[in-house]
Amino acid sequence: MVKKNRFHIPVRSLAPNAITVLALCAGMFGVRFAYLEQWESAVTAILIAGVFDGLDGSVARLLKGTSRFGAELDSLSDVISFGVAPALITYMWVLSDVRGFGWLMSLVFVISMALRLARFNTVMKDDELGAEVKAGYYTGIPAPASAALALWPMILSFEFNYAFLTDPKLYCGYMVLLCILTVSRIPTFSLKSLKIHKEHVIFVLLGVAVLASLLITDLWLTMSVVGMIYVISIPVLALIALRKD
């Protein structure tokens, strides 16, 4: 019998971890672009980090390369890419105008993200939260969506020249609400819960193609609309969950 070398690991297990590292790099590039006041590039970097975050878990399951190391790395990457990076970007954009309070809001957002991720990591060890996951929705706003919503006023400002979008006081109030929703127990939309009938697959693929075309043609307008749809889905799903109870 050939003994396995405990110092060797399958190459396939590195692929999802490499994607996670790319997500981490994208988040840090977002901070760099914000420091250079290249705001559109900063937001794009965080969106790319979100894409990588959505891929790493799927790739890990596909290649059967899941591991405890990968799970820990993913959480650490999420804290930086979707917590620290958006907090610093928004602070450098408008929150710094209200000085100490703006920094406090950035700090609270990072803490909220860390608490959200810590709860998610223990979700399968808690029967109550586990039941909610099996029901097909997230508990609180997930990390990538929370990061995108933190940057949503900035995205809107790229497309619409409204003064209130860059008002630091209003932005602080918006961040307070977002932090509350992030750590709350409110159910939020999960793509993992969606099931498509095989007869409708062709229409879904067509929709994906249309969405991709819109993102390439007018990224910020499309992301503004997607953000609005997601925001509307939060109270709608909460009402549906209450009625089921």
C-alpha atoms as a PDB file:
ATOM      1  CA  MET A   1       0.000   0.000   0.000  1.00  0.00           C
ATOM      2  CA  VAL A   2       1.314   3.416  -1.015  1.00  0.00           C
ATOM      3  CA  LYS A   3       1.251   5.924   1.804  1.00  0.00           C
ATOM      4  CA  LYS A   4      -0.104   9.383   1.064  1.00  0.00           C
ATOM      5  CA  ASN A   5       2.332  12.212   1.612  1.00  0.00           C
ATOM      6  CA  ARG A   6       0.684  14.570   4.062  1.00  0.00           C
ATOM      7  CA  PHE A   7       2.770  17.427   2.642  1.00  0.00           C
ATOM      8  CA  HIS A   8       1.219  17.053  -0.822  1.00  0.00           C
ATOM      9  CA  ILE A   9      -2.222  18.338  -1.751  1.00  0.00           C
ATOM     10  CA  PRO A  10      -4.186  17.948  -4.993  1.00  0.00           C
ATOM     11  CA  VAL A  11      -3.755  20.788  -7.459  1.00  0.00           C
ATOM     12  CA  ARG A  12      -7.538  21.040  -7.831  1.00  0.00           C
ATOM     13  CA  SER A  13      -7.815  22.211  -4.225  1.00  0.00           C
ATOM     14  CA  LEU A  14      -5.717  25.274  -5.067  1.00  0.00           C
ATOM     15  CA  ALA A  15      -8.094  26.627  -7.739  1.00  0.00           C
ATOM     16  CA  PRO A  16     -10.872  27.866  -5.401  1.00  0.00           C
ATOM     17  CA  ASN A  17      -8.310  29.308  -2.987  1.00  0.00           C
ATOM     18  CA  ALA A  18      -6.605  31.105  -5.871  1.00  0.00           C
ATOM     19  CA  ILE A  19      -9.957  32.656  -6.833  1.00  0.00           C
ATOM     20  CA  THR A  20     -10.449  33.748  -3.226  1.00  0.00           C
ATOM     21  CA  VAL A  21      -7.030  35.413  -3.259  1.00  0.00           C
ATOM     22  CA  LEU A  22      -8.007  37.202  -6.493  1.00  0.00           C
ATOM     23  CA  ALA A  23     -11.118  38.516  -4.728  1.00  0.00           C
ATOM     24  CA  LEU A  24      -8.917  39.790  -1.925  1.00  0.00           C
ATOM     25  CA  CYS A  25      -6.606  41.475  -4.434  1.00  0.00           C
ATOM     26  CA  ALA A  26      -9.572  43.106  -6.179  1.00  0.00           C
ATOM     27  CA  GLY A  27     -10.772  44.536  -2.872  1.00  0.00           C
ATOM     28  CA  MET A  28      -7.361  46.015  -2.138  1.00  0.00           C
ATOM     29  CA  PHE A  29      -7.155  47.473  -5.638  1.00  0.00           C
ATOM     30  CA  GLY A  30     -10.457  49.165  -4.888  1.00  0.00           C
ATOM     31  CA  VAL A  31      -8.814  50.964  -1.966  1.00  0.00           C
ATOM     32  CA  ARG A  32      -5.874  51.970  -4.148  1.00  0.00           C
ATOM     33  CA  PHE A  33      -8.151  53.400  -6.844  1.00  0.00           C
ATOM     34  CA  ALA A  34     -10.086  55.325  -4.170  1.00  0.00           C
ATOM     35  CA  TYR A  35      -6.829  56.785  -2.851  1.00  0.00           C
ATOM     36  CA  LEU A  36      -6.144  57.987  -6.411  1.00  0.00           C
ATOM     37  CA  GLU A  37      -9.751  59.323  -6.587  1.00  0.00           C
ATOM     38  CA  GLN A  38     -10.535  56.989  -9.476  1.00  0.00           C
ATOM     39  CA  TRP A  39     -13.992  56.272  -8.095  1.00  0.00           C
ATOM     40  CA  GLU A  40     -15.430  54.282 -10.978  1.00  0.00           C
ATOM     41  CA  SER A  41     -12.410  51.978 -10.997  1.00  0.00           C
ATOM     42  CA  ALA A  42     -12.693  51.589  -7.209  1.00  0.00           C
ATOM     43  CA  VAL A  43     -16.321  50.467  -7.421  1.00  0.00           C
ATOM     44  CA  THR A  44     -15.565  48.195 -10.376  1.00  0.00           C
ATOM     45  CA  ALA A  45     -12.845  46.475  -8.334  1.00  0.00           C
ATOM     46  CA  ILE A  46     -15.313  45.694  -5.540  1.00  0.00           C
ATOM     47  CA  LEU A  47     -17.841  44.367  -8.055  1.00  0.00           C
ATOM     48  CA  ILE A  48     -15.146  42.125  -9.532  1.00  0.00           C
ATOM     49  CA  ALA A  49     -14.360  40.904  -6.020  1.00  0.00           C
ATOM     50  CA  GLY A  50     -18.038  39.984  -5.703  1.00  0.00           C
ATOM     51  CA  VAL A  51     -17.861  37.953  -8.912  1.00  0.00           C
ATOM     52  CA  PHE A  52     -14.792  36.083  -7.667  1.00  0.00           C
ATOM     53  CA  ASP A  53     -16.512  35.474  -4.319  1.00  0.00           C
ATOM     54  CA  GLY A  54     -19.436  33.890  -6.117  1.00  0.00           C
ATOM     55  CA  LEU A  55     -17.128  31.644  -8.122  1.00  0.00           C
ATOM     56  CA  ASP A  56     -14.785  30.266  -5.467  1.00  0.00           C
ATOM     57  CA  GLY A  57     -17.402  28.233  -3.613  1.00  0.00           C
ATOM     58  CA  SER A  58     -18.893  26.839  -6.821  1.00  0.00           C
ATOM     59  CA  VAL A  59     -15.466  25.894  -8.159  1.00  0.00           C
ATOM     60  CA  ALA A  60     -14.557  24.250  -4.839  1.00  0.00           C
ATOM     61  CA  ARG A  61     -17.681  22.092  -4.923  1.00  0.00           C
ATOM     62  CA  LEU A  62     -17.243  21.296  -8.618  1.00  0.00           C
ATOM     63  CA  LEU A  63     -13.629  20.180  -8.190  1.00  0.00           C
ATOM     64  CA  LYS A  64     -14.293  18.622  -4.784  1.00  0.00           C
ATOM     65  CA  GLY A  65     -11.657  20.923  -3.377  1.00  0.00           C
ATOM     66  CA  THR A  66     -13.478  22.213  -0.315  1.00  0.00           C
ATOM     67  CA  SER A  67     -11.413  22.503   2.852  1.00  0.00           C
ATOM     68  CA  ARG A  68     -11.400  24.177   6.243  1.00  0.00           C
ATOM     69  CA  PHE A  69      -8.463  26.270   5.101  1.00  0.00           C
ATOM     70  CA  GLY A  70     -10.465  27.500   2.110  1.00  0.00           C
ATOM     71  CA  ALA A  71     -13.449  28.363   4.284  1.00  0.00           C
ATOM     72  CA  GLU A  72     -11.291  30.394   6.669  1.00  0.00           C
ATOM     73  CA  LEU A  73      -9.493  32.133   3.799  1.00  0.00           C
ATOM     74  CA  ASP A  74     -12.829  32.997   2.196  1.00  0.00           C
ATOM     75  CA  SER A  75     -14.103  34.632   5.383  1.00  0.00           C
ATOM     76  CA  LEU A  76     -10.929  36.659   5.850  1.00  0.00           C
ATOM     77  CA  SER A  77     -11.079  37.747   2.214  1.00  0.00           C
ATOM     78  CA  ASP A  78     -14.727  38.776   2.608  1.00  0.00           C
ATOM     79  CA  VAL A  79     -13.966  40.941   5.640  1.00  0.00           C
ATOM     80  CA  ILE A  80     -11.349  42.836   3.665  1.00  0.00           C
ATOM     81  CA  SER A  81     -12.996  42.967   0.233  1.00  0.00           C
ATOM     82  CA  PHE A  82     -16.553  43.636   1.410  1.00  0.00           C
ATOM     83  CA  GLY A  83     -15.939  45.252   4.781  1.00  0.00           C
ATOM     84  CA  VAL A  84     -12.672  47.167   5.012  1.00  0.00           C
ATOM     85  CA  ALA A  85     -12.404  48.134   1.330  1.00  0.00           C
ATOM     86  CA  PRO A  86     -15.939  49.595   0.903  1.00  0.00           C
ATOM     87  CA  ALA A  87     -15.607  51.357   4.271  1.00  0.00           C
ATOM     88  CA  LEU A  88     -12.384  53.063   3.204  1.00  0.00           C
ATOM     89  CA  ILE A  89     -13.733  53.891  -0.250  1.00  0.00           C
ATOM     90  CA  THR A  90     -16.865  55.532   1.105  1.00  0.00           C
ATOM     91  CA  TYR A  91     -14.847  57.363   3.765  1.00  0.00           C
ATOM     92  CA  MET A  92     -12.476  58.808   1.184  1.00  0.00           C
ATOM     93  CA  TRP A  93     -15.417  59.683  -1.069  1.00  0.00           C
ATOM     94  CA  VAL A  94     -17.792  61.645   1.201  1.00  0.00           C
ATOM     95  CA  LEU A  95     -17.754  60.394   4.801  1.00  0.00           C
ATOM     96  CA  SER A  96     -14.491  62.188   5.547  1.00  0.00           C
ATOM     97  CA  ASP A  97     -16.418  65.472   5.194  1.00  0.00           C
ATOM     98  CA  VAL A  98     -18.029  64.822   8.571  1.00  0.00           C
ATOM     99  CA  ARG A  99     -14.676  63.856  10.082  1.00  0.00           C
ATOM    100  CA  GLY A 100     -14.907  61.765  13.232  1.00  0.00           C
ATOM    101  CA  PHE A 101     -18.510  60.694  12.710  1.00  0.00           C
ATOM    102  CA  GLY A 102     -17.774  59.623   9.149  1.00  0.00           C
ATOM    103  CA  TRP A 103     -14.884  57.482  10.372  1.00  0.00           C
ATOM    104  CA  LEU A 104     -17.127  56.035  13.075  1.00  0.00           C
ATOM    105  CA  MET A 105     -19.641  54.962  10.427  1.00  0.00           C
ATOM    106  CA  SER A 106     -16.887  53.319   8.381  1.00  0.00           C
ATOM    107  CA  LEU A 107     -15.713  51.495  11.507  1.00  0.00           C
ATOM    108  CA  VAL A 108     -19.236  50.359  12.391  1.00  0.00           C
ATOM    109  CA  PHE A 109     -19.708  49.032   8.861  1.00  0.00           C
ATOM    110  CA  VAL A 110     -16.552  46.903   9.126  1.00  0.00           C
ATOM    111  CA  ILE A 111     -17.628  45.584  12.530  1.00  0.00           C
ATOM    112  CA  SER A 112     -21.109  44.792  11.202  1.00  0.00           C
ATOM    113  CA  MET A 113     -19.587  42.884   8.300  1.00  0.00           C
ATOM    114  CA  ALA A 114     -17.300  40.907  10.627  1.00  0.00           C
ATOM    115  CA  LEU A 115     -20.258  40.010  12.870  1.00  0.00           C
ATOM    116  CA  ARG A 116     -22.353  39.031   9.850  1.00  0.00           C
ATOM    117  CA  LEU A 117     -19.628  36.730   8.542  1.00  0.00           C
ATOM    118  CA  ALA A 118     -18.965  35.228  11.985  1.00  0.00           C
ATOM    119  CA  ARG A 119     -22.652  34.335  12.259  1.00  0.00           C
ATOM    120  CA  PHE A 120     -22.645  32.878   8.763  1.00  0.00           C
ATOM    121  CA  ASN A 121     -19.656  30.677   9.600  1.00  0.00           C
ATOM    122  CA  THR A 122     -21.523  29.143  12.520  1.00  0.00           C
ATOM    123  CA  VAL A 123     -24.843  28.908  10.694  1.00  0.00           C
ATOM    124  CA  MET A 124     -24.828  25.136  10.298  1.00  0.00           C
ATOM    125  CA  LYS A 125     -24.104  24.676  14.022  1.00  0.00           C
ATOM    126  CA  ASP A 126     -27.217  26.576  14.994  1.00  0.00           C
ATOM    127  CA  ASP A 127     -30.501  24.768  14.382  1.00  0.00           C
ATOM    128  CA  GLU A 128     -32.538  27.957  14.161  1.00  0.00           C
ATOM    129  CA  LEU A 129     -30.311  29.664  11.606  1.00  0.00           C
ATOM    130  CA  GLY A 130     -29.824  26.388   9.786  1.00  0.00           C
ATOM    131  CA  ALA A 131     -33.558  26.133   9.303  1.00  0.00           C
ATOM    132  CA  GLU A 132     -33.587  29.590   7.736  1.00  0.00           C
ATOM    133  CA  VAL A 133     -30.834  28.648   5.300  1.00  0.00           C
ATOM    134  CA  LYS A 134     -32.739  25.536   4.282  1.00  0.00           C
ATOM    135  CA  ALA A 135     -35.819  27.704   3.770  1.00  0.00           C
ATOM    136  CA  GLY A 136     -34.011  29.366   0.880  1.00  0.00           C
ATOM    137  CA  TYR A 137     -32.959  32.793   2.066  1.00  0.00           C
ATOM    138  CA  TYR A 138     -30.112  34.522   3.851  1.00  0.00           C
ATOM    139  CA  THR A 139     -30.309  35.904   7.367  1.00  0.00           C
ATOM    140  CA  GLY A 140     -29.429  39.568   7.006  1.00  0.00           C
ATOM    141  CA  ILE A 141     -27.844  41.089   3.931  1.00  0.00           C
ATOM    142  CA  PRO A 142     -24.952  38.891   2.717  1.00  0.00           C
ATOM    143  CA  ALA A 143     -21.449  40.356   2.547  1.00  0.00           C
ATOM    144  CA  PRO A 144     -21.144  41.033  -1.229  1.00  0.00           C
ATOM    145  CA  ALA A 145     -24.627  42.574  -1.408  1.00  0.00           C
ATOM    146  CA  SER A 146     -23.953  44.717   1.656  1.00  0.00           C
ATOM    147  CA  ALA A 147     -20.725  46.001   0.083  1.00  0.00           C
ATOM    148  CA  ALA A 148     -22.534  46.787  -3.173  1.00  0.00           C
ATOM    149  CA  LEU A 149     -25.285  48.621  -1.310  1.00  0.00           C
ATOM    150  CA  ALA A 150     -22.683  50.623   0.628  1.00  0.00           C
ATOM    151  CA  LEU A 151     -21.383  51.806  -2.737  1.00  0.00           C
ATOM    152  CA  TRP A 152     -24.824  52.120  -4.343  1.00  0.00           C
ATOM    153  CA  PRO A 153     -25.181  55.907  -3.767  1.00  0.00           C
ATOM    154  CA  MET A 154     -21.804  56.304  -5.437  1.00  0.00           C
ATOM    155  CA  ILE A 155     -22.975  54.176  -8.366  1.00  0.00           C
ATOM    156  CA  LEU A 156     -26.116  56.303  -8.652  1.00  0.00           C
ATOM    157  CA  SER A 157     -23.994  59.464  -8.638  1.00  0.00           C
ATOM    158  CA  PHE A 158     -22.087  58.201 -11.673  1.00  0.00           C
ATOM    159  CA  GLU A 159     -25.349  58.183 -13.616  1.00  0.00           C
ATOM    160  CA  PHE A 160     -27.470  60.857 -11.910  1.00  0.00           C
ATOM    161  CA  ASN A 161     -26.207  64.237 -10.776  1.00  0.00           C
ATOM    162  CA  TYR A 162     -28.293  64.625  -7.615  1.00  0.00           C
ATOM    163  CA  ALA A 163     -26.759  66.601  -4.758  1.00  0.00           C
ATOM    164  CA  PHE A 164     -28.293  64.429  -2.015  1.00  0.00           C
ATOM    165  CA  LEU A 165     -26.279  61.421  -3.234  1.00  0.00           C
ATOM    166  CA  THR A 166     -23.075  63.106  -2.088  1.00  0.00           C
ATOM    167  CA  ASP A 167     -24.461  64.596   1.125  1.00  0.00           C
ATOM    168  CA  PRO A 168     -22.251  63.107   3.886  1.00  0.00           C
ATOM    169  CA  LYS A 169     -24.934  63.428   6.567  1.00  0.00           C
ATOM    170  CA  LEU A 170     -27.517  61.558   4.505  1.00  0.00           C
ATOM    171  CA  TYR A 171     -24.867  59.012   3.627  1.00  0.00           C
ATOM    172  CA  CYS A 172     -24.186  58.434   7.329  1.00  0.00           C
ATOM    173  CA  GLY A 173     -27.879  57.815   7.939  1.00  0.00           C
ATOM    174  CA  TYR A 174     -27.951  55.419   5.003  1.00  0.00           C
ATOM    175  CA  MET A 175     -24.949  53.538   6.378  1.00  0.00           C
ATOM    176  CA  VAL A 176     -26.604  53.230   9.794  1.00  0.00           C
ATOM    177  CA  LEU A 177     -29.635  51.559   8.178  1.00  0.00           C
ATOM    178  CA  LEU A 178     -27.408  49.309   6.077  1.00  0.00           C
ATOM    179  CA  CYS A 179     -25.401  48.173   9.108  1.00  0.00           C
ATOM    180  CA  ILE A 180     -28.596  47.328  10.970  1.00  0.00           C
ATOM    181  CA  LEU A 181     -29.904  45.279   8.050  1.00  0.00           C
ATOM    182  CA  THR A 182     -26.565  43.514   7.651  1.00  0.00           C
ATOM    183  CA  VAL A 183     -26.549  42.136  11.205  1.00  0.00           C
ATOM    184  CA  SER A 184     -30.324  41.757  11.458  1.00  0.00           C
ATOM    185  CA  ARG A 185     -32.310  38.526  11.281  1.00  0.00           C
ATOM    186  CA  ILE A 186     -34.377  39.798   8.364  1.00  0.00           C
ATOM    187  CA  PRO A 187     -34.574  37.302   5.456  1.00  0.00           C
ATOM    188  CA  THR A 188     -32.978  38.450   2.212  1.00  0.00           C
ATOM    189  CA  PHE A 189     -32.927  37.090  -1.319  1.00  0.00           C
ATOM    190  CA  SER A 190     -30.689  34.125  -2.170  1.00  0.00           C
ATOM    191  CA  LEU A 191     -29.948  32.940  -5.711  1.00  0.00           C
ATOM    192  CA  LYS A 192     -29.174  29.495  -4.309  1.00  0.00           C
ATOM    193  CA  SER A 193     -32.853  29.012  -3.489  1.00  0.00           C
ATOM    194  CA  LEU A 194     -34.010  29.537  -7.072  1.00  0.00           C
ATOM    195  CA  LYS A 195     -35.102  26.504  -9.068  1.00  0.00           C
ATOM    196  CA  ILE A 196     -35.704  26.767 -12.800  1.00  0.00           C
ATOM    197  CA  HIS A 197     -38.075  24.481 -14.676  1.00  0.00           C
ATOM    198  CA  LYS A 198     -36.256  22.813 -17.549  1.00  0.00           C
ATOM    199  CA  GLU A 199     -38.731  24.321 -20.035  1.00  0.00           C
ATOM    200  CA  HIS A 200     -37.724  27.832 -18.896  1.00  0.00           C
ATOM    201  CA  VAL A 201     -33.965  27.370 -19.052  1.00  0.00           C
ATOM    202  CA  ILE A 202     -33.700  28.892 -22.524  1.00  0.00           C
ATOM    203  CA  PHE A 203     -35.453  32.059 -21.348  1.00  0.00           C
ATOM    204  CA  VAL A 204     -33.159  32.304 -18.330  1.00  0.00           C
ATOM    205  CA  LEU A 205     -30.097  32.004 -20.569  1.00  0.00           C
ATOM    206  CA  LEU A 206     -31.536  34.688 -22.834  1.00  0.00           C
ATOM    207  CA  GLY A 207     -32.039  36.917 -19.804  1.00  0.00           C
ATOM    208  CA  VAL A 208     -28.436  36.346 -18.714  1.00  0.00           C
ATOM    209  CA  ALA A 209     -27.258  37.350 -22.190  1.00  0.00           C
ATOM    210  CA  VAL A 210     -29.380  40.510 -22.098  1.00  0.00           C
ATOM    211  CA  LEU A 211     -28.105  41.414 -18.620  1.00  0.00           C
ATOM    212  CA  ALA A 212     -24.494  40.887 -19.707  1.00  0.00           C
ATOM    213  CA  SER A 213     -25.084  43.110 -22.739  1.00  0.00           C
ATOM    214  CA  LEU A 214     -26.580  45.830 -20.565  1.00  0.00           C
ATOM    215  CA  LEU A 215     -23.671  45.655 -18.134  1.00  0.00           C
ATOM    216  CA  ILE A 216     -21.207  46.095 -20.978  1.00  0.00           C
ATOM    217  CA  THR A 217     -23.247  48.825 -22.681  1.00  0.00           C
ATOM    218  CA  ASP A 218     -24.125  50.908 -19.612  1.00  0.00           C
ATOM    219  CA  LEU A 219     -22.640  49.457 -16.436  1.00  0.00           C
ATOM    220  CA  TRP A 220     -23.688  52.130 -13.955  1.00  0.00           C
ATOM    221  CA  LEU A 221     -27.291  52.522 -15.120  1.00  0.00           C
ATOM    222  CA  THR A 222     -27.721  48.744 -15.092  1.00  0.00           C
ATOM    223  CA  MET A 223     -26.188  48.433 -11.621  1.00  0.00           C
ATOM    224  CA  SER A 224     -28.422  51.271 -10.411  1.00  0.00           C
ATOM    225  CA  VAL A 225     -31.504  49.346 -11.559  1.00  0.00           C
ATOM    226  CA  VAL A 226     -30.220  46.049 -10.126  1.00  0.00           C
ATOM    227  CA  GLY A 227     -29.576  47.779  -6.810  1.00  0.00           C
ATOM    228  CA  MET A 228     -33.093  49.219  -6.778  1.00  0.00           C
ATOM    229  CA  ILE A 229     -34.606  45.794  -7.462  1.00  0.00           C
ATOM    230  CA  TYR A 230     -32.605  44.260  -4.620  1.00  0.00           C
ATOM    231  CA  VAL A 231     -33.582  47.030  -2.193  1.00  0.00           C
ATOM    232  CA  ILE A 232     -37.260  46.516  -3.057  1.00  0.00           C
ATOM    233  CA  SER A 233     -36.892  42.756  -2.556  1.00  0.00           C
ATOM    234  CA  ILE A 234     -35.841  43.202   1.092  1.00  0.00           C
ATOM    235  CA  PRO A 235     -39.210  44.384   2.514  1.00  0.00           C
ATOM    236  CA  VAL A 236     -41.128  42.159   0.070  1.00  0.00           C
ATOM    237  CA  LEU A 237     -39.341  38.996   1.207  1.00  0.00           C
ATOM    238  CA  ALA A 238     -39.661  40.051   4.850  1.00  0.00           C
ATOM    239  CA  LEU A 239     -43.451  40.363   4.456  1.00  0.00           C
ATOM    240  CA  ILE A 240     -43.643  36.971   2.742  1.00  0.00           C
ATOM    241  CA  ALA A 241     -41.668  35.368   5.581  1.00  0.00           C
ATOM    242  CA  LEU A 242     -43.934  36.974   8.191  1.00  0.00           C
ATOM    243  CA  ARG A 243     -47.034  35.643   6.469  1.00  0.00           C
ATOM    244  CA  LYS A 244     -45.579  32.124   6.425  1.00  0.00           C
ATOM    245  CA  ASP A 245     -44.997  32.360  10.172  1.00  0.00           C
END
